[in-house]
Amino acid sequence: MQDYWLYMVFNCATTPDVHPIQNPVKLGWEPLVKIEHYHGSAEKLLEVEE
């Protein structure tokens, strides 16, 4: 696990501040629930306005 790195970058638009973290698994991540995505066409959205 020592071969893995996470690079966190803050202030990207001004003065980037880079924080390298070796072995990011040690941070105790919590699982994220899958986010649903919905897709629709522009034509269908425009039909609603009529």
PDB file of N, CA and C in Angstrom:
ATOM      1  N   MET A   1       0.804  -1.203   0.000  1.00  0.00           N
ATOM      2  CA  MET A   1       0.000   0.000   0.000  1.00  0.00           C
ATOM      3  C   MET A   1       0.851   1.273   0.000  1.00  0.00           C
ATOM      4  N   GLN A   2       2.106   1.165   0.257  1.00  0.00           N
ATOM      5  CA  GLN A   2       2.966   2.350   0.284  1.00  0.00           C
ATOM      6  C   GLN A   2       3.213   2.916  -1.117  1.00  0.00           C
ATOM      7  N   ASP A   3       2.780   2.175  -2.163  1.00  0.00           N
ATOM      8  CA  ASP A   3       2.969   2.644  -3.536  1.00  0.00           C
ATOM      9  C   ASP A   3       1.861   3.590  -3.987  1.00  0.00           C
ATOM     10  N   TYR A   4       0.812   3.736  -3.194  1.00  0.00           N
ATOM     11  CA  TYR A   4      -0.334   4.550  -3.587  1.00  0.00           C
ATOM     12  C   TYR A   4      -0.269   5.926  -2.934  1.00  0.00           C
ATOM     13  N   TRP A   5      -0.583   6.931  -3.734  1.00  0.00           N
ATOM     14  CA  TRP A   5      -0.569   8.306  -3.263  1.00  0.00           C
ATOM     15  C   TRP A   5      -1.863   9.005  -3.671  1.00  0.00           C
ATOM     16  N   LEU A   6      -2.321   9.913  -2.840  1.00  0.00           N
ATOM     17  CA  LEU A   6      -3.445  10.784  -3.146  1.00  0.00           C
ATOM     18  C   LEU A   6      -2.908  12.204  -3.087  1.00  0.00           C
ATOM     19  N   TYR A   7      -3.129  12.949  -4.167  1.00  0.00           N
ATOM     20  CA  TYR A   7      -2.686  14.336  -4.203  1.00  0.00           C
ATOM     21  C   TYR A   7      -3.906  15.237  -4.114  1.00  0.00           C
ATOM     22  N   MET A   8      -4.035  15.943  -3.014  1.00  0.00           N
ATOM     23  CA  MET A   8      -5.149  16.878  -2.836  1.00  0.00           C
ATOM     24  C   MET A   8      -4.636  18.266  -3.174  1.00  0.00           C
ATOM     25  N   VAL A   9      -5.373  18.958  -4.038  1.00  0.00           N
ATOM     26  CA  VAL A   9      -4.955  20.294  -4.468  1.00  0.00           C
ATOM     27  C   VAL A   9      -6.053  21.290  -4.104  1.00  0.00           C
ATOM     28  N   PHE A  10      -5.676  22.308  -3.365  1.00  0.00           N
ATOM     29  CA  PHE A  10      -6.593  23.378  -2.968  1.00  0.00           C
ATOM     30  C   PHE A  10      -6.150  24.672  -3.642  1.00  0.00           C
ATOM     31  N   ASN A  11      -7.062  25.603  -3.792  1.00  0.00           N
ATOM     32  CA  ASN A  11      -6.773  26.926  -4.373  1.00  0.00           C
ATOM     33  C   ASN A  11      -6.245  26.819  -5.798  1.00  0.00           C
ATOM     34  N   CYS A  12      -6.863  25.973  -6.604  1.00  0.00           N
ATOM     35  CA  CYS A  12      -6.389  25.738  -7.975  1.00  0.00           C
ATOM     36  C   CYS A  12      -6.422  27.003  -8.827  1.00  0.00           C
ATOM     37  N   ALA A  13      -7.380  27.874  -8.607  1.00  0.00           N
ATOM     38  CA  ALA A  13      -7.543  29.062  -9.444  1.00  0.00           C
ATOM     39  C   ALA A  13      -6.562  30.175  -9.086  1.00  0.00           C
ATOM     40  N   THR A  14      -5.979  30.111  -7.914  1.00  0.00           N
ATOM     41  CA  THR A  14      -5.073  31.187  -7.493  1.00  0.00           C
ATOM     42  C   THR A  14      -3.662  30.643  -7.296  1.00  0.00           C
ATOM     43  N   THR A  15      -3.344  30.260  -6.087  1.00  0.00           N
ATOM     44  CA  THR A  15      -2.034  29.689  -5.775  1.00  0.00           C
ATOM     45  C   THR A  15      -2.250  28.248  -5.338  1.00  0.00           C
ATOM     46  N   PRO A  16      -2.020  27.285  -6.243  1.00  0.00           N
ATOM     47  CA  PRO A  16      -2.263  25.879  -5.885  1.00  0.00           C
ATOM     48  C   PRO A  16      -1.473  25.446  -4.655  1.00  0.00           C
ATOM     49  N   ASP A  17      -2.147  24.719  -3.791  1.00  0.00           N
ATOM     50  CA  ASP A  17      -1.556  24.213  -2.561  1.00  0.00           C
ATOM     51  C   ASP A  17      -1.716  22.690  -2.594  1.00  0.00           C
ATOM     52  N   VAL A  18      -0.620  21.961  -2.823  1.00  0.00           N
ATOM     53  CA  VAL A  18      -0.651  20.513  -3.010  1.00  0.00           C
ATOM     54  C   VAL A  18      -0.331  19.800  -1.698  1.00  0.00           C
ATOM     55  N   HIS A  19      -1.178  18.801  -1.381  1.00  0.00           N
ATOM     56  CA  HIS A  19      -0.985  17.995  -0.175  1.00  0.00           C
ATOM     57  C   HIS A  19      -0.897  16.526  -0.579  1.00  0.00           C
ATOM     58  N   PRO A  20       0.314  15.973  -0.705  1.00  0.00           N
ATOM     59  CA  PRO A  20       0.444  14.547  -1.036  1.00  0.00           C
ATOM     60  C   PRO A  20       0.232  13.688   0.207  1.00  0.00           C
ATOM     61  N   ILE A  21      -0.530  12.605   0.038  1.00  0.00           N
ATOM     62  CA  ILE A  21      -0.791  11.682   1.148  1.00  0.00           C
ATOM     63  C   ILE A  21      -0.414  10.279   0.697  1.00  0.00           C
ATOM     64  N   GLN A  22       0.584   9.695   1.338  1.00  0.00           N
ATOM     65  CA  GLN A  22       0.991   8.331   1.029  1.00  0.00           C
ATOM     66  C   GLN A  22       0.059   7.364   1.744  1.00  0.00           C
ATOM     67  N   ASN A  23      -0.336   6.301   1.038  1.00  0.00           N
ATOM     68  CA  ASN A  23      -1.208   5.271   1.587  1.00  0.00           C
ATOM     69  C   ASN A  23      -2.524   5.879   2.089  1.00  0.00           C
ATOM     70  N   PRO A  24      -3.342   6.451   1.178  1.00  0.00           N
ATOM     71  CA  PRO A  24      -4.571   7.130   1.605  1.00  0.00           C
ATOM     72  C   PRO A  24      -5.615   6.222   2.251  1.00  0.00           C
ATOM     73  N   VAL A  25      -5.434   4.907   2.178  1.00  0.00           N
ATOM     74  CA  VAL A  25      -6.398   4.008   2.821  1.00  0.00           C
ATOM     75  C   VAL A  25      -6.399   4.202   4.342  1.00  0.00           C
ATOM     76  N   LYS A  26      -5.329   4.721   4.875  1.00  0.00           N
ATOM     77  CA  LYS A  26      -5.235   4.931   6.326  1.00  0.00           C
ATOM     78  C   LYS A  26      -6.163   6.043   6.819  1.00  0.00           C
ATOM     79  N   LEU A  27      -6.797   6.778   5.900  1.00  0.00           N
ATOM     80  CA  LEU A  27      -7.668   7.885   6.289  1.00  0.00           C
ATOM     81  C   LEU A  27      -9.026   7.425   6.800  1.00  0.00           C
ATOM     82  N   GLY A  28      -9.319   6.139   6.696  1.00  0.00           N
ATOM     83  CA  GLY A  28     -10.587   5.625   7.212  1.00  0.00           C
ATOM     84  C   GLY A  28     -11.780   6.064   6.383  1.00  0.00           C
ATOM     85  N   TRP A  29     -11.723   5.869   5.093  1.00  0.00           N
ATOM     86  CA  TRP A  29     -12.796   6.264   4.178  1.00  0.00           C
ATOM     87  C   TRP A  29     -14.097   5.555   4.520  1.00  0.00           C
ATOM     88  N   GLU A  30     -15.195   6.227   4.303  1.00  0.00           N
ATOM     89  CA  GLU A  30     -16.506   5.624   4.472  1.00  0.00           C
ATOM     90  C   GLU A  30     -17.128   5.458   3.092  1.00  0.00           C
ATOM     91  N   PRO A  31     -17.838   4.360   2.878  1.00  0.00           N
ATOM     92  CA  PRO A  31     -18.422   4.122   1.556  1.00  0.00           C
ATOM     93  C   PRO A  31     -19.471   5.179   1.206  1.00  0.00           C
ATOM     94  N   LEU A  32     -19.528   5.503  -0.070  1.00  0.00           N
ATOM     95  CA  LEU A  32     -20.496   6.459  -0.587  1.00  0.00           C
ATOM     96  C   LEU A  32     -21.594   5.695  -1.304  1.00  0.00           C
ATOM     97  N   VAL A  33     -22.828   6.034  -1.016  1.00  0.00           N
ATOM     98  CA  VAL A  33     -23.952   5.388  -1.688  1.00  0.00           C
ATOM     99  C   VAL A  33     -23.966   5.838  -3.139  1.00  0.00           C
ATOM    100  N   LYS A  34     -24.227   4.913  -4.040  1.00  0.00           N
ATOM    101  CA  LYS A  34     -24.249   5.227  -5.463  1.00  0.00           C
ATOM    102  C   LYS A  34     -25.300   6.294  -5.753  1.00  0.00           C
ATOM    103  N   ILE A  35     -24.919   7.264  -6.524  1.00  0.00           N
ATOM    104  CA  ILE A  35     -25.820   8.345  -6.902  1.00  0.00           C
ATOM    105  C   ILE A  35     -26.501   7.981  -8.212  1.00  0.00           C
ATOM    106  N   GLU A  36     -27.817   8.114  -8.270  1.00  0.00           N
ATOM    107  CA  GLU A  36     -28.578   7.821  -9.478  1.00  0.00           C
ATOM    108  C   GLU A  36     -28.444   8.987 -10.457  1.00  0.00           C
ATOM    109  N   HIS A  37     -28.398   8.662 -11.721  1.00  0.00           N
ATOM    110  CA  HIS A  37     -28.364   9.671 -12.774  1.00  0.00           C
ATOM    111  C   HIS A  37     -29.571   9.491 -13.668  1.00  0.00           C
ATOM    112  N   TYR A  38     -30.106  10.586 -14.131  1.00  0.00           N
ATOM    113  CA  TYR A  38     -31.241  10.541 -15.032  1.00  0.00           C
ATOM    114  C   TYR A  38     -30.858  11.236 -16.334  1.00  0.00           C
ATOM    115  N   HIS A  39     -31.246  10.640 -17.440  1.00  0.00           N
ATOM    116  CA  HIS A  39     -30.939  11.203 -18.747  1.00  0.00           C
ATOM    117  C   HIS A  39     -32.239  11.469 -19.492  1.00  0.00           C
ATOM    118  N   GLY A  40     -32.288  12.582 -20.181  1.00  0.00           N
ATOM    119  CA  GLY A  40     -33.451  12.907 -20.988  1.00  0.00           C
ATOM    120  C   GLY A  40     -33.001  13.730 -22.183  1.00  0.00           C
ATOM    121  N   SER A  41     -33.779  13.689 -23.218  1.00  0.00           N
ATOM    122  CA  SER A  41     -33.411  14.438 -24.417  1.00  0.00           C
ATOM    123  C   SER A  41     -33.948  15.870 -24.337  1.00  0.00           C
ATOM    124  N   ALA A  42     -33.328  16.762 -25.068  1.00  0.00           N
ATOM    125  CA  ALA A  42     -33.785  18.144 -25.113  1.00  0.00           C
ATOM    126  C   ALA A  42     -35.187  18.224 -25.701  1.00  0.00           C
ATOM    127  N   GLU A  43     -35.469  17.363 -26.662  1.00  0.00           N
ATOM    128  CA  GLU A  43     -36.796  17.369 -27.285  1.00  0.00           C
ATOM    129  C   GLU A  43     -37.890  17.082 -26.259  1.00  0.00           C
ATOM    130  N   LYS A  44     -37.674  16.104 -25.419  1.00  0.00           N
ATOM    131  CA  LYS A  44     -38.658  15.745 -24.397  1.00  0.00           C
ATOM    132  C   LYS A  44     -38.844  16.880 -23.392  1.00  0.00           C
ATOM    133  N   LEU A  45     -37.764  17.534 -23.032  1.00  0.00           N
ATOM    134  CA  LEU A  45     -37.863  18.651 -22.092  1.00  0.00           C
ATOM    135  C   LEU A  45     -38.640  19.813 -22.696  1.00  0.00           C
ATOM    136  N   LEU A  46     -38.423  20.061 -23.981  1.00  0.00           N
ATOM    137  CA  LEU A  46     -39.128  21.146 -24.653  1.00  0.00           C
ATOM    138  C   LEU A  46     -40.608  20.835 -24.819  1.00  0.00           C
ATOM    139  N   GLU A  47     -40.969  19.560 -24.937  1.00  0.00           N
ATOM    140  CA  GLU A  47     -42.390  19.165 -25.063  1.00  0.00           C
ATOM    141  C   GLU A  47     -43.177  19.568 -23.822  1.00  0.00           C
ATOM    142  N   VAL A  48     -42.535  19.597 -22.678  1.00  0.00           N
ATOM    143  CA  VAL A  48     -43.190  19.917 -21.416  1.00  0.00           C
ATOM    144  C   VAL A  48     -43.668  21.373 -21.438  1.00  0.00           C
ATOM    145  N   GLU A  49     -42.917  22.241 -22.108  1.00  0.00           N
ATOM    146  CA  GLU A  49     -43.258  23.664 -22.152  1.00  0.00           C
ATOM    147  C   GLU A  49     -44.495  23.923 -23.003  1.00  0.00           C
ATOM    148  N   GLU A  50     -44.839  23.050 -23.924  1.00  0.00           N
ATOM    149  CA  GLU A  50     -45.956  23.277 -24.843  1.00  0.00           C
ATOM    150  C   GLU A  50     -47.289  23.057 -24.192  1.00  0.00           C
TER     151      GLU A  50
END
